[in-house]
Amino acid sequence: MGKSKRRILHSGKNNQITNLTREDALKTVVTACNAKRVDDKTVDLISLFGFHAEELLEFGAHYEDVLGLKGILNS
């Protein structure tokens, strides 16, 4: 096996994509919002799944925290 193929296979072992359900992503976003620790990963999850404010509120996020994310959330 050549060096290039070995590098490609090795990076594939370390960079595996995990299966993330919508509920798991929602749980992660709400936890980050309630802890007031919204980082790039949280913003990426919001935009990837297209969460709405109502979803976050129904799942347990605080109203004030959701208002802070108004620019990121879908209408």
Protein backbone atom coordinates (compact mmCIF):
# COMPACT_ATOMS: atom_id res chain seq x y z
CA MET A 1 0.00 0.00 0.00
CA GLY A 2 1.34 3.43 -0.93
CA LYS A 3 1.95 6.31 1.44
CA SER A 4 -0.97 8.31 0.11
CA LYS A 5 -3.51 5.53 0.55
CA ARG A 6 -2.14 4.80 4.03
CA ARG A 7 -2.60 8.47 5.02
CA ILE A 8 -6.13 8.57 3.61
CA LEU A 9 -7.17 5.42 5.47
CA HIS A 10 -5.52 6.60 8.67
CA SER A 11 -7.31 9.96 8.60
CA GLY A 12 -10.59 8.16 7.93
CA LYS A 13 -10.20 6.15 11.13
CA ASN A 14 -9.80 9.27 13.23
CA ASN A 15 -12.34 11.50 11.48
CA GLN A 16 -15.39 9.28 11.54
CA ILE A 17 -18.75 10.97 11.41
CA THR A 18 -21.03 9.95 14.22
CA ASN A 19 -24.75 9.46 13.78
CA LEU A 20 -26.48 12.38 15.47
CA THR A 21 -30.24 12.39 15.74
CA ARG A 22 -32.32 15.55 15.79
CA GLU A 23 -33.27 14.91 19.42
CA ASP A 24 -29.63 14.53 20.47
CA ALA A 25 -28.72 17.75 18.70
CA LEU A 26 -31.67 19.52 20.30
CA LYS A 27 -30.63 18.25 23.73
CA THR A 28 -27.08 19.51 23.17
CA VAL A 29 -28.27 22.93 22.03
CA VAL A 30 -30.68 23.35 24.96
CA THR A 31 -28.02 22.28 27.45
CA ALA A 32 -25.57 24.80 26.00
CA CYS A 33 -28.20 27.55 26.03
CA ASN A 34 -29.19 26.93 29.64
CA ALA A 35 -25.52 26.86 30.68
CA LYS A 36 -24.95 30.13 28.75
CA ARG A 37 -22.14 28.50 26.75
CA VAL A 38 -23.18 28.88 23.13
CA ASP A 39 -20.10 28.21 21.01
CA ASP A 40 -19.44 27.56 17.33
CA LYS A 41 -20.46 23.90 17.63
CA THR A 42 -23.85 24.91 19.04
CA VAL A 43 -24.40 27.48 16.30
CA ASP A 44 -23.44 24.87 13.68
CA LEU A 45 -25.98 22.42 15.11
CA ILE A 46 -28.71 25.06 15.06
CA SER A 47 -28.05 25.94 11.44
CA LEU A 48 -27.56 22.31 10.36
CA PHE A 49 -30.86 21.08 11.76
CA GLY A 50 -32.74 24.35 11.22
CA PHE A 51 -34.15 24.61 14.72
CA HIS A 52 -36.99 27.02 15.46
CA ALA A 53 -37.46 28.96 18.67
CA GLU A 54 -40.60 26.97 19.51
CA GLU A 55 -38.67 23.70 19.40
CA LEU A 56 -36.06 24.96 21.82
CA LEU A 57 -38.70 26.36 24.19
CA GLU A 58 -40.71 23.12 24.13
CA PHE A 59 -37.59 21.12 24.90
CA GLY A 60 -36.76 23.21 27.97
CA ALA A 61 -34.66 26.20 26.93
CA HIS A 62 -35.17 29.45 28.80
CA TYR A 63 -37.01 32.21 26.97
CA GLU A 64 -34.25 34.79 27.50
CA ASP A 65 -31.62 32.43 26.09
CA VAL A 66 -33.72 31.77 22.99
CA LEU A 67 -34.13 35.51 22.45
CA GLY A 68 -30.34 35.78 22.41
CA LEU A 69 -30.22 33.29 19.53
CA LYS A 70 -32.89 35.12 17.51
CA GLY A 71 -30.48 35.93 14.68
CA ILE A 72 -29.43 32.31 14.25
CA LEU A 73 -32.77 30.53 14.56
CA ASN A 74 -35.15 29.94 11.66
CA SER A 75 -38.37 31.90 11.73
